[in-house]
Amino acid sequence: MDDEGLPGQTRILVVQRTYHSQIVHYSIAHQWRASPDDDWRNVFRIDTSDGSVHSHQFRQDEGPEESTGRKRLVQTLGESDGRRVVDVSYEDSYDRVTQFMDEHWREWTQG
């Protein structure tokens, strides 16, 4: 069991790109694996690809290679303010991933 009381192991994986000390792209993922020999699988992720801030809720019964999860728009990135929106939205996105891990886990296991 891990710190959250879930079977296996969980982690938060953060990937960021910065430009002049401003976050211009990020991906924050709640991931799980059954044992140290298994691959990490996405449970929930928020990222800034495709011109928007959006979340992905994954399902346990989906194959990890084919799944992009159920995608939900959080905020569209405008051409003139996209970098500012990404930088400002990072903390809220991080909080959303970390503070609701139990809910993301439930949705992942129950589909």
PDB file of N, CA and C in Angstrom:
ATOM      1  N   MET A   1       0.851  -1.178   0.000  1.00  0.00           N
ATOM      2  CA  MET A   1       0.000   0.000   0.000  1.00  0.00           C
ATOM      3  C   MET A   1       0.896   1.240   0.000  1.00  0.00           C
ATOM      4  N   ASP A   2       0.411   2.295  -0.602  1.00  0.00           N
ATOM      5  CA  ASP A   2       1.174   3.534  -0.636  1.00  0.00           C
ATOM      6  C   ASP A   2       0.648   4.503   0.415  1.00  0.00           C
ATOM      7  N   ASP A   3       1.139   5.743   0.384  1.00  0.00           N
ATOM      8  CA  ASP A   3       0.756   6.758   1.360  1.00  0.00           C
ATOM      9  C   ASP A   3      -0.738   7.068   1.332  1.00  0.00           C
ATOM     10  N   GLU A   4      -1.395   6.918   0.183  1.00  0.00           N
ATOM     11  CA  GLU A   4      -2.810   7.237   0.045  1.00  0.00           C
ATOM     12  C   GLU A   4      -3.702   6.052   0.427  1.00  0.00           C
ATOM     13  N   GLY A   5      -3.106   4.919   0.806  1.00  0.00           N
ATOM     14  CA  GLY A   5      -3.883   3.749   1.149  1.00  0.00           C
ATOM     15  C   GLY A   5      -4.367   2.969  -0.062  1.00  0.00           C
ATOM     16  N   LEU A   6      -3.821   3.250  -1.222  1.00  0.00           N
ATOM     17  CA  LEU A   6      -4.207   2.561  -2.447  1.00  0.00           C
ATOM     18  C   LEU A   6      -3.279   1.382  -2.670  1.00  0.00           C
ATOM     19  N   PRO A   7      -3.794   0.275  -3.237  1.00  0.00           N
ATOM     20  CA  PRO A   7      -2.897  -0.852  -3.529  1.00  0.00           C
ATOM     21  C   PRO A   7      -1.876  -0.439  -4.576  1.00  0.00           C
ATOM     22  N   GLY A   8      -0.674  -0.963  -4.496  1.00  0.00           N
ATOM     23  CA  GLY A   8       0.380  -0.587  -5.432  1.00  0.00           C
ATOM     24  C   GLY A   8       1.042   0.715  -5.016  1.00  0.00           C
ATOM     25  N   GLN A   9       1.514   1.449  -6.013  1.00  0.00           N
ATOM     26  CA  GLN A   9       2.224   2.706  -5.760  1.00  0.00           C
ATOM     27  C   GLN A   9       1.621   3.814  -6.618  1.00  0.00           C
ATOM     28  N   THR A  10       1.559   5.022  -6.078  1.00  0.00           N
ATOM     29  CA  THR A  10       1.112   6.186  -6.843  1.00  0.00           C
ATOM     30  C   THR A  10       2.212   7.233  -6.838  1.00  0.00           C
ATOM     31  N   ARG A  11       2.154   8.110  -7.829  1.00  0.00           N
ATOM     32  CA  ARG A  11       3.082   9.237  -7.877  1.00  0.00           C
ATOM     33  C   ARG A  11       2.430  10.356  -8.666  1.00  0.00           C
ATOM     34  N   ILE A  12       2.994  11.547  -8.505  1.00  0.00           N
ATOM     35  CA  ILE A  12       2.642  12.708  -9.321  1.00  0.00           C
ATOM     36  C   ILE A  12       3.850  12.978 -10.198  1.00  0.00           C
ATOM     37  N   LEU A  13       3.641  12.969 -11.507  1.00  0.00           N
ATOM     38  CA  LEU A  13       4.712  13.236 -12.463  1.00  0.00           C
ATOM     39  C   LEU A  13       4.457  14.610 -13.084  1.00  0.00           C
ATOM     40  N   VAL A  14       5.423  15.514 -12.941  1.00  0.00           N
ATOM     41  CA  VAL A  14       5.297  16.874 -13.465  1.00  0.00           C
ATOM     42  C   VAL A  14       6.351  17.095 -14.541  1.00  0.00           C
ATOM     43  N   VAL A  15       5.905  17.586 -15.688  1.00  0.00           N
ATOM     44  CA  VAL A  15       6.800  17.979 -16.774  1.00  0.00           C
ATOM     45  C   VAL A  15       6.484  19.441 -17.082  1.00  0.00           C
ATOM     46  N   GLN A  16       7.520  20.267 -17.123  1.00  0.00           N
ATOM     47  CA  GLN A  16       7.343  21.699 -17.397  1.00  0.00           C
ATOM     48  C   GLN A  16       8.331  22.167 -18.449  1.00  0.00           C
ATOM     49  N   ARG A  17       7.894  23.121 -19.244  1.00  0.00           N
ATOM     50  CA  ARG A  17       8.805  23.868 -20.101  1.00  0.00           C
ATOM     51  C   ARG A  17       8.659  25.331 -19.721  1.00  0.00           C
ATOM     52  N   THR A  18       9.796  25.997 -19.597  1.00  0.00           N
ATOM     53  CA  THR A  18       9.765  27.418 -19.248  1.00  0.00           C
ATOM     54  C   THR A  18      10.475  28.236 -20.312  1.00  0.00           C
ATOM     55  N   TYR A  19      10.111  29.497 -20.362  1.00  0.00           N
ATOM     56  CA  TYR A  19      10.741  30.460 -21.257  1.00  0.00           C
ATOM     57  C   TYR A  19      10.811  31.768 -20.497  1.00  0.00           C
ATOM     58  N   HIS A  20      12.016  32.269 -20.281  1.00  0.00           N
ATOM     59  CA  HIS A  20      12.221  33.492 -19.504  1.00  0.00           C
ATOM     60  C   HIS A  20      11.489  33.429 -18.161  1.00  0.00           C
ATOM     61  N   SER A  21      11.697  32.343 -17.434  1.00  0.00           N
ATOM     62  CA  SER A  21      11.145  32.125 -16.088  1.00  0.00           C
ATOM     63  C   SER A  21       9.619  32.037 -16.050  1.00  0.00           C
ATOM     64  N   GLN A  22       8.986  31.818 -17.189  1.00  0.00           N
ATOM     65  CA  GLN A  22       7.535  31.681 -17.247  1.00  0.00           C
ATOM     66  C   GLN A  22       7.211  30.266 -17.747  1.00  0.00           C
ATOM     67  N   ILE A  23       6.262  29.597 -17.100  1.00  0.00           N
ATOM     68  CA  ILE A  23       5.855  28.266 -17.547  1.00  0.00           C
ATOM     69  C   ILE A  23       5.058  28.423 -18.835  1.00  0.00           C
ATOM     70  N   VAL A  24       5.510  27.760 -19.906  1.00  0.00           N
ATOM     71  CA  VAL A  24       4.824  27.870 -21.204  1.00  0.00           C
ATOM     72  C   VAL A  24       4.161  26.551 -21.615  1.00  0.00           C
ATOM     73  N   HIS A  25       4.458  25.471 -20.925  1.00  0.00           N
ATOM     74  CA  HIS A  25       3.807  24.181 -21.152  1.00  0.00           C
ATOM     75  C   HIS A  25       3.984  23.340 -19.894  1.00  0.00           C
ATOM     76  N   TYR A  26       2.949  22.553 -19.562  1.00  0.00           N
ATOM     77  CA  TYR A  26       3.103  21.613 -18.458  1.00  0.00           C
ATOM     78  C   TYR A  26       2.190  20.408 -18.647  1.00  0.00           C
ATOM     79  N   SER A  27       2.562  19.358 -17.956  1.00  0.00           N
ATOM     80  CA  SER A  27       1.754  18.150 -17.841  1.00  0.00           C
ATOM     81  C   SER A  27       1.911  17.673 -16.406  1.00  0.00           C
ATOM     82  N   ILE A  28       0.781  17.473 -15.728  1.00  0.00           N
ATOM     83  CA  ILE A  28       0.790  17.012 -14.341  1.00  0.00           C
ATOM     84  C   ILE A  28      -0.068  15.753 -14.292  1.00  0.00           C
ATOM     85  N   ALA A  29       0.551  14.624 -13.970  1.00  0.00           N
ATOM     86  CA  ALA A  29      -0.156  13.348 -14.036  1.00  0.00           C
ATOM     87  C   ALA A  29      -0.137  12.617 -12.701  1.00  0.00           C
ATOM     88  N   HIS A  30      -1.289  12.086 -12.329  1.00  0.00           N
ATOM     89  CA  HIS A  30      -1.414  11.140 -11.222  1.00  0.00           C
ATOM     90  C   HIS A  30      -1.255   9.769 -11.871  1.00  0.00           C
ATOM     91  N   GLN A  31      -0.246   9.023 -11.446  1.00  0.00           N
ATOM     92  CA  GLN A  31       0.046   7.729 -12.051  1.00  0.00           C
ATOM     93  C   GLN A  31       0.055   6.629 -10.988  1.00  0.00           C
ATOM     94  N   TRP A  32      -0.120   5.401 -11.440  1.00  0.00           N
ATOM     95  CA  TRP A  32      -0.191   4.239 -10.558  1.00  0.00           C
ATOM     96  C   TRP A  32       0.517   3.052 -11.211  1.00  0.00           C
ATOM     97  N   ARG A  33       1.088   2.198 -10.377  1.00  0.00           N
ATOM     98  CA  ARG A  33       1.597   0.899 -10.843  1.00  0.00           C
ATOM     99  C   ARG A  33       1.387  -0.119  -9.735  1.00  0.00           C
ATOM    100  N   ALA A  34       1.168  -1.359 -10.143  1.00  0.00           N
ATOM    101  CA  ALA A  34       0.864  -2.423  -9.184  1.00  0.00           C
ATOM    102  C   ALA A  34       2.090  -2.846  -8.385  1.00  0.00           C
ATOM    103  N   SER A  35       3.266  -2.839  -9.041  1.00  0.00           N
ATOM    104  CA  SER A  35       4.495  -3.250  -8.361  1.00  0.00           C
ATOM    105  C   SER A  35       5.680  -2.553  -9.023  1.00  0.00           C
ATOM    106  N   PRO A  36       6.857  -2.573  -8.400  1.00  0.00           N
ATOM    107  CA  PRO A  36       8.031  -1.920  -8.994  1.00  0.00           C
ATOM    108  C   PRO A  36       8.425  -2.488 -10.356  1.00  0.00           C
ATOM    109  N   ASP A  37       7.966  -3.675 -10.700  1.00  0.00           N
ATOM    110  CA  ASP A  37       8.288  -4.272 -11.998  1.00  0.00           C
ATOM    111  C   ASP A  37       7.329  -3.842 -13.110  1.00  0.00           C
ATOM    112  N   ASP A  38       6.213  -3.200 -12.746  1.00  0.00           N
ATOM    113  CA  ASP A  38       5.204  -2.798 -13.729  1.00  0.00           C
ATOM    114  C   ASP A  38       5.460  -1.383 -14.248  1.00  0.00           C
ATOM    115  N   ASP A  39       4.879  -1.090 -15.409  1.00  0.00           N
ATOM    116  CA  ASP A  39       4.939   0.261 -15.958  1.00  0.00           C
ATOM    117  C   ASP A  39       3.964   1.163 -15.209  1.00  0.00           C
ATOM    118  N   TRP A  40       4.280   2.464 -15.179  1.00  0.00           N
ATOM    119  CA  TRP A  40       3.378   3.456 -14.612  1.00  0.00           C
ATOM    120  C   TRP A  40       2.218   3.662 -15.576  1.00  0.00           C
ATOM    121  N   ARG A  41       1.008   3.775 -15.044  1.00  0.00           N
ATOM    122  CA  ARG A  41      -0.183   4.032 -15.854  1.00  0.00           C
ATOM    123  C   ARG A  41      -0.832   5.327 -15.390  1.00  0.00           C
ATOM    124  N   ASN A  42      -1.317   6.110 -16.337  1.00  0.00           N
ATOM    125  CA  ASN A  42      -2.007   7.352 -16.004  1.00  0.00           C
ATOM    126  C   ASN A  42      -3.375   7.055 -15.411  1.00  0.00           C
ATOM    127  N   VAL A  43      -3.672   7.743 -14.316  1.00  0.00           N
ATOM    128  CA  VAL A  43      -4.995   7.721 -13.697  1.00  0.00           C
ATOM    129  C   VAL A  43      -5.733   9.000 -14.098  1.00  0.00           C
ATOM    130  N   PHE A  44      -5.045  10.128 -13.985  1.00  0.00           N
ATOM    131  CA  PHE A  44      -5.608  11.446 -14.302  1.00  0.00           C
ATOM    132  C   PHE A  44      -4.457  12.352 -14.705  1.00  0.00           C
ATOM    133  N   ARG A  45      -4.708  13.255 -15.656  1.00  0.00           N
ATOM    134  CA  ARG A  45      -3.654  14.189 -16.089  1.00  0.00           C
ATOM    135  C   ARG A  45      -4.291  15.504 -16.524  1.00  0.00           C
ATOM    136  N   ILE A  46      -3.578  16.586 -16.247  1.00  0.00           N
ATOM    137  CA  ILE A  46      -3.911  17.897 -16.804  1.00  0.00           C
ATOM    138  C   ILE A  46      -2.691  18.344 -17.597  1.00  0.00           C
ATOM    139  N   ASP A  47      -2.926  18.791 -18.847  1.00  0.00           N
ATOM    140  CA  ASP A  47      -1.808  19.275 -19.651  1.00  0.00           C
ATOM    141  C   ASP A  47      -2.247  20.434 -20.527  1.00  0.00           C
ATOM    142  N   THR A  48      -1.271  21.010 -21.216  1.00  0.00           N
ATOM    143  CA  THR A  48      -1.528  22.218 -22.003  1.00  0.00           C
ATOM    144  C   THR A  48      -1.244  22.024 -23.485  1.00  0.00           C
ATOM    145  N   SER A  49      -1.380  20.812 -23.971  1.00  0.00           N
ATOM    146  CA  SER A  49      -1.194  20.582 -25.402  1.00  0.00           C
ATOM    147  C   SER A  49      -2.467  20.965 -26.158  1.00  0.00           C
ATOM    148  N   ASP A  50      -2.389  21.000 -27.460  1.00  0.00           N
ATOM    149  CA  ASP A  50      -3.550  21.240 -28.326  1.00  0.00           C
ATOM    150  C   ASP A  50      -4.222  22.597 -28.112  1.00  0.00           C
ATOM    151  N   GLY A  51      -3.477  23.610 -27.678  1.00  0.00           N
ATOM    152  CA  GLY A  51      -4.026  24.960 -27.567  1.00  0.00           C
ATOM    153  C   GLY A  51      -5.007  25.174 -26.440  1.00  0.00           C
ATOM    154  N   SER A  52      -4.949  24.312 -25.413  1.00  0.00           N
ATOM    155  CA  SER A  52      -5.852  24.484 -24.276  1.00  0.00           C
ATOM    156  C   SER A  52      -5.263  23.843 -23.026  1.00  0.00           C
ATOM    157  N   VAL A  53      -5.806  24.247 -21.886  1.00  0.00           N
ATOM    158  CA  VAL A  53      -5.561  23.543 -20.627  1.00  0.00           C
ATOM    159  C   VAL A  53      -6.715  22.556 -20.530  1.00  0.00           C
ATOM    160  N   HIS A  54      -6.415  21.275 -20.395  1.00  0.00           N
ATOM    161  CA  HIS A  54      -7.479  20.275 -20.351  1.00  0.00           C
ATOM    162  C   HIS A  54      -7.055  19.088 -19.494  1.00  0.00           C
ATOM    163  N   SER A  55      -8.054  18.342 -19.039  1.00  0.00           N
ATOM    164  CA  SER A  55      -7.789  17.174 -18.203  1.00  0.00           C
ATOM    165  C   SER A  55      -8.125  15.902 -18.965  1.00  0.00           C
ATOM    166  N   HIS A  56      -7.523  14.813 -18.515  1.00  0.00           N
ATOM    167  CA  HIS A  56      -7.788  13.479 -19.048  1.00  0.00           C
ATOM    168  C   HIS A  56      -8.076  12.566 -17.861  1.00  0.00           C
ATOM    169  N   GLN A  57      -9.265  11.979 -17.818  1.00  0.00           N
ATOM    170  CA  GLN A  57      -9.582  10.972 -16.812  1.00  0.00           C
ATOM    171  C   GLN A  57      -9.476   9.617 -17.495  1.00  0.00           C
ATOM    172  N   PHE A  58      -8.541   8.800 -17.057  1.00  0.00           N
ATOM    173  CA  PHE A  58      -8.303   7.495 -17.662  1.00  0.00           C
ATOM    174  C   PHE A  58      -9.125   6.429 -16.946  1.00  0.00           C
ATOM    175  N   ARG A  59      -9.204   5.236 -17.548  1.00  0.00           N
ATOM    176  CA  ARG A  59      -9.912   4.099 -16.968  1.00  0.00           C
ATOM    177  C   ARG A  59      -8.974   2.909 -16.885  1.00  0.00           C
ATOM    178  N   GLN A  60      -9.097   2.164 -15.823  1.00  0.00           N
ATOM    179  CA  GLN A  60      -8.230   1.007 -15.596  1.00  0.00           C
ATOM    180  C   GLN A  60      -8.396  -0.058 -16.674  1.00  0.00           C
ATOM    181  N   ASP A  61      -9.602  -0.220 -17.197  1.00  0.00           N
ATOM    182  CA  ASP A  61      -9.839  -1.288 -18.171  1.00  0.00           C
ATOM    183  C   ASP A  61      -9.419  -0.919 -19.591  1.00  0.00           C
ATOM    184  N   GLU A  62      -8.929   0.296 -19.810  1.00  0.00           N
ATOM    185  CA  GLU A  62      -8.400   0.695 -21.111  1.00  0.00           C
ATOM    186  C   GLU A  62      -6.931   0.316 -21.182  1.00  0.00           C
ATOM    187  N   GLY A  63      -6.482  -0.084 -22.357  1.00  0.00           N
ATOM    188  CA  GLY A  63      -5.062  -0.356 -22.530  1.00  0.00           C
ATOM    189  C   GLY A  63      -4.277   0.937 -22.424  1.00  0.00           C
ATOM    190  N   PRO A  64      -3.160   0.951 -21.703  1.00  0.00           N
ATOM    191  CA  PRO A  64      -2.405   2.196 -21.491  1.00  0.00           C
ATOM    192  C   PRO A  64      -1.854   2.798 -22.781  1.00  0.00           C
ATOM    193  N   GLU A  65      -1.593   1.996 -23.788  1.00  0.00           N
ATOM    194  CA  GLU A  65      -1.012   2.521 -25.022  1.00  0.00           C
ATOM    195  C   GLU A  65      -2.039   3.258 -25.873  1.00  0.00           C
ATOM    196  N   GLU A  66      -3.294   2.809 -25.845  1.00  0.00           N
ATOM    197  CA  GLU A  66      -4.297   3.360 -26.744  1.00  0.00           C
ATOM    198  C   GLU A  66      -5.144   4.461 -26.129  1.00  0.00           C
ATOM    199  N   SER A  67      -5.102   4.606 -24.839  1.00  0.00           N
ATOM    200  CA  SER A  67      -6.031   5.497 -24.172  1.00  0.00           C
ATOM    201  C   SER A  67      -5.533   6.930 -24.070  1.00  0.00           C
ATOM    202  N   THR A  68      -6.385   7.858 -24.422  1.00  0.00           N
ATOM    203  CA  THR A  68      -6.124   9.271 -24.129  1.00  0.00           C
ATOM    204  C   THR A  68      -7.038   9.729 -23.015  1.00  0.00           C
ATOM    205  N   GLY A  69      -7.902   8.849 -22.551  1.00  0.00           N
ATOM    206  CA  GLY A  69      -8.804   9.167 -21.462  1.00  0.00           C
ATOM    207  C   GLY A  69      -9.955  10.046 -21.905  1.00  0.00           C
ATOM    208  N   ARG A  70     -10.855  10.299 -20.981  1.00  0.00           N
ATOM    209  CA  ARG A  70     -11.978  11.195 -21.220  1.00  0.00           C
ATOM    210  C   ARG A  70     -11.465  12.623 -21.054  1.00  0.00           C
ATOM    211  N   LYS A  71     -11.462  13.365 -22.134  1.00  0.00           N
ATOM    212  CA  LYS A  71     -10.850  14.694 -22.161  1.00  0.00           C
ATOM    213  C   LYS A  71     -11.897  15.764 -21.852  1.00  0.00           C
ATOM    214  N   ARG A  72     -11.521  16.704 -20.957  1.00  0.00           N
ATOM    215  CA  ARG A  72     -12.405  17.822 -20.606  1.00  0.00           C
ATOM    216  C   ARG A  72     -11.628  19.127 -20.693  1.00  0.00           C
ATOM    217  N   LEU A  73     -12.218  20.093 -21.372  1.00  0.00           N
ATOM    218  CA  LEU A  73     -11.601  21.406 -21.514  1.00  0.00           C
ATOM    219  C   LEU A  73     -11.646  22.155 -20.186  1.00  0.00           C
ATOM    220  N   VAL A  74     -10.516  22.741 -19.797  1.00  0.00           N
ATOM    221  CA  VAL A  74     -10.457  23.602 -18.620  1.00  0.00           C
ATOM    222  C   VAL A  74     -10.453  25.053 -19.080  1.00  0.00           C
ATOM    223  N   GLN A  75      -9.570  25.376 -20.049  1.00  0.00           N
ATOM    224  CA  GLN A  75      -9.474  26.745 -20.552  1.00  0.00           C
ATOM    225  C   GLN A  75      -8.773  26.755 -21.902  1.00  0.00           C
ATOM    226  N   THR A  76      -9.298  27.539 -22.832  1.00  0.00           N
ATOM    227  CA  THR A  76      -8.675  27.698 -24.141  1.00  0.00           C
ATOM    228  C   THR A  76      -7.538  28.702 -24.032  1.00  0.00           C
ATOM    229  N   LEU A  77      -6.463  28.451 -24.762  1.00  0.00           N
ATOM    230  CA  LEU A  77      -5.326  29.364 -24.771  1.00  0.00           C
ATOM    231  C   LEU A  77      -5.461  30.297 -25.974  1.00  0.00           C
ATOM    232  N   GLY A  78      -5.570  31.574 -25.716  1.00  0.00           N
ATOM    233  CA  GLY A  78      -5.653  32.545 -26.803  1.00  0.00           C
ATOM    234  C   GLY A  78      -4.285  32.795 -27.419  1.00  0.00           C
ATOM    235  N   GLU A  79      -4.285  33.300 -28.644  1.00  0.00           N
ATOM    236  CA  GLU A  79      -3.007  33.585 -29.315  1.00  0.00           C
ATOM    237  C   GLU A  79      -2.217  34.665 -28.595  1.00  0.00           C
ATOM    238  N   SER A  80      -2.901  35.667 -28.078  1.00  0.00           N
ATOM    239  CA  SER A  80      -2.186  36.784 -27.451  1.00  0.00           C
ATOM    240  C   SER A  80      -1.852  36.540 -25.983  1.00  0.00           C
ATOM    241  N   ASP A  81      -2.635  35.719 -25.281  1.00  0.00           N
ATOM    242  CA  ASP A  81      -2.404  35.534 -23.847  1.00  0.00           C
ATOM    243  C   ASP A  81      -2.117  34.093 -23.450  1.00  0.00           C
ATOM    244  N   GLY A  82      -1.835  33.214 -24.420  1.00  0.00           N
ATOM    245  CA  GLY A  82      -1.626  31.797 -24.135  1.00  0.00           C
ATOM    246  C   GLY A  82      -0.556  31.517 -23.110  1.00  0.00           C
ATOM    247  N   ARG A  83       0.591  32.170 -23.239  1.00  0.00           N
ATOM    248  CA  ARG A  83       1.683  31.924 -22.272  1.00  0.00           C
ATOM    249  C   ARG A  83       1.292  32.364 -20.875  1.00  0.00           C
ATOM    250  N   ARG A  84       0.627  33.493 -20.767  1.00  0.00           N
ATOM    251  CA  ARG A  84       0.210  33.989 -19.451  1.00  0.00           C
ATOM    252  C   ARG A  84      -0.805  33.028 -18.825  1.00  0.00           C
ATOM    253  N   VAL A  85      -1.756  32.549 -19.620  1.00  0.00           N
ATOM    254  CA  VAL A  85      -2.766  31.627 -19.118  1.00  0.00           C
ATOM    255  C   VAL A  85      -2.117  30.350 -18.608  1.00  0.00           C
ATOM    256  N   VAL A  86      -1.176  29.799 -19.352  1.00  0.00           N
ATOM    257  CA  VAL A  86      -0.480  28.581 -18.929  1.00  0.00           C
ATOM    258  C   VAL A  86       0.237  28.825 -17.615  1.00  0.00           C
ATOM    259  N   ASP A  87       0.981  29.906 -17.522  1.00  0.00           N
ATOM    260  CA  ASP A  87       1.746  30.207 -16.310  1.00  0.00           C
ATOM    261  C   ASP A  87       0.818  30.380 -15.103  1.00  0.00           C
ATOM    262  N   VAL A  88      -0.262  31.104 -15.273  1.00  0.00           N
ATOM    263  CA  VAL A  88      -1.193  31.377 -14.173  1.00  0.00           C
ATOM    264  C   VAL A  88      -1.981  30.126 -13.784  1.00  0.00           C
ATOM    265  N   SER A  89      -2.282  29.254 -14.737  1.00  0.00           N
ATOM    266  CA  SER A  89      -3.123  28.085 -14.453  1.00  0.00           C
ATOM    267  C   SER A  89      -2.363  26.934 -13.808  1.00  0.00           C
ATOM    268  N   TYR A  90      -1.046  26.979 -13.803  1.00  0.00           N
ATOM    269  CA  TYR A  90      -0.257  25.853 -13.319  1.00  0.00           C
ATOM    270  C   TYR A  90      -0.603  25.459 -11.876  1.00  0.00           C
ATOM    271  N   GLU A  91      -0.613  26.413 -10.964  1.00  0.00           N
ATOM    272  CA  GLU A  91      -0.859  26.087  -9.550  1.00  0.00           C
ATOM    273  C   GLU A  91      -2.235  25.492  -9.334  1.00  0.00           C
ATOM    274  N   ASP A  92      -3.266  26.039  -9.988  1.00  0.00           N
ATOM    275  CA  ASP A  92      -4.613  25.480  -9.869  1.00  0.00           C
ATOM    276  C   ASP A  92      -4.657  24.047 -10.406  1.00  0.00           C
ATOM    277  N   SER A  93      -3.979  23.820 -11.524  1.00  0.00           N
ATOM    278  CA  SER A  93      -3.954  22.480 -12.105  1.00  0.00           C
ATOM    279  C   SER A  93      -3.244  21.500 -11.173  1.00  0.00           C
ATOM    280  N   TYR A  94      -2.124  21.915 -10.606  1.00  0.00           N
ATOM    281  CA  TYR A  94      -1.388  21.060  -9.676  1.00  0.00           C
ATOM    282  C   TYR A  94      -2.277  20.703  -8.477  1.00  0.00           C
ATOM    283  N   ASP A  95      -2.958  21.706  -7.939  1.00  0.00           N
ATOM    284  CA  ASP A  95      -3.861  21.456  -6.808  1.00  0.00           C
ATOM    285  C   ASP A  95      -4.986  20.509  -7.196  1.00  0.00           C
ATOM    286  N   ARG A  96      -5.529  20.675  -8.386  1.00  0.00           N
ATOM    287  CA  ARG A  96      -6.631  19.823  -8.845  1.00  0.00           C
ATOM    288  C   ARG A  96      -6.191  18.362  -8.968  1.00  0.00           C
ATOM    289  N   VAL A  97      -4.979  18.146  -9.422  1.00  0.00           N
ATOM    290  CA  VAL A  97      -4.470  16.776  -9.542  1.00  0.00           C
ATOM    291  C   VAL A  97      -4.205  16.190  -8.156  1.00  0.00           C
ATOM    292  N   THR A  98      -3.524  16.915  -7.298  1.00  0.00           N
ATOM    293  CA  THR A  98      -3.093  16.357  -6.014  1.00  0.00           C
ATOM    294  C   THR A  98      -4.197  16.299  -4.965  1.00  0.00           C
ATOM    295  N   GLN A  99      -5.101  17.250  -4.953  1.00  0.00           N
ATOM    296  CA  GLN A  99      -6.125  17.291  -3.907  1.00  0.00           C
ATOM    297  C   GLN A  99      -7.298  16.344  -4.168  1.00  0.00           C
ATOM    298  N   PHE A 100      -7.446  15.878  -5.392  1.00  0.00           N
ATOM    299  CA  PHE A 100      -8.579  15.016  -5.722  1.00  0.00           C
ATOM    300  C   PHE A 100      -8.136  13.631  -6.192  1.00  0.00           C
ATOM    301  N   MET A 101      -6.999  13.174  -5.680  1.00  0.00           N
ATOM    302  CA  MET A 101      -6.465  11.876  -6.091  1.00  0.00           C
ATOM    303  C   MET A 101      -7.439  10.735  -5.787  1.00  0.00           C
ATOM    304  N   ASP A 102      -8.108  10.782  -4.652  1.00  0.00           N
ATOM    305  CA  ASP A 102      -9.064   9.727  -4.310  1.00  0.00           C
ATOM    306  C   ASP A 102     -10.205   9.656  -5.323  1.00  0.00           C
ATOM    307  N   GLU A 103     -10.715  10.808  -5.740  1.00  0.00           N
ATOM    308  CA  GLU A 103     -11.795  10.837  -6.732  1.00  0.00           C
ATOM    309  C   GLU A 103     -11.315  10.322  -8.086  1.00  0.00           C
ATOM    310  N   HIS A 104     -10.127  10.747  -8.501  1.00  0.00           N
ATOM    311  CA  HIS A 104      -9.581  10.279  -9.776  1.00  0.00           C
ATOM    312  C   HIS A 104      -9.380   8.763  -9.736  1.00  0.00           C
ATOM    313  N   TRP A 105      -8.903   8.269  -8.604  1.00  0.00           N
ATOM    314  CA  TRP A 105      -8.689   6.825  -8.438  1.00  0.00           C
ATOM    315  C   TRP A 105     -10.005   6.070  -8.559  1.00  0.00           C
ATOM    316  N   ARG A 106     -11.065   6.578  -7.885  1.00  0.00           N
ATOM    317  CA  ARG A 106     -12.375   5.928  -7.949  1.00  0.00           C
ATOM    318  C   ARG A 106     -12.890   5.863  -9.392  1.00  0.00           C
ATOM    319  N   GLU A 107     -12.789   6.986 -10.103  1.00  0.00           N
ATOM    320  CA  GLU A 107     -13.239   7.001 -11.500  1.00  0.00           C
ATOM    321  C   GLU A 107     -12.404   6.061 -12.363  1.00  0.00           C
ATOM    322  N   TRP A 108     -11.103   5.983 -12.076  1.00  0.00           N
ATOM    323  CA  TRP A 108     -10.217   5.117 -12.854  1.00  0.00           C
ATOM    324  C   TRP A 108     -10.590   3.641 -12.666  1.00  0.00           C
ATOM    325  N   THR A 109     -10.861   3.242 -11.415  1.00  0.00           N
ATOM    326  CA  THR A 109     -11.155   1.839 -11.149  1.00  0.00           C
ATOM    327  C   THR A 109     -12.577   1.453 -11.508  1.00  0.00           C
ATOM    328  N   GLN A 110     -13.517   2.389 -11.428  1.00  0.00           N
ATOM    329  CA  GLN A 110     -14.925   2.070 -11.670  1.00  0.00           C
ATOM    330  C   GLN A 110     -15.369   2.369 -13.108  1.00  0.00           C
ATOM    331  N   GLY A 111     -14.525   3.093 -13.862  1.00  0.00           N
ATOM    332  CA  GLY A 111     -14.848   3.403 -15.249  1.00  0.00           C
ATOM    333  C   GLY A 111     -15.945   4.363 -15.304  1.00  0.00           C
TER     334      GLY A 111
END
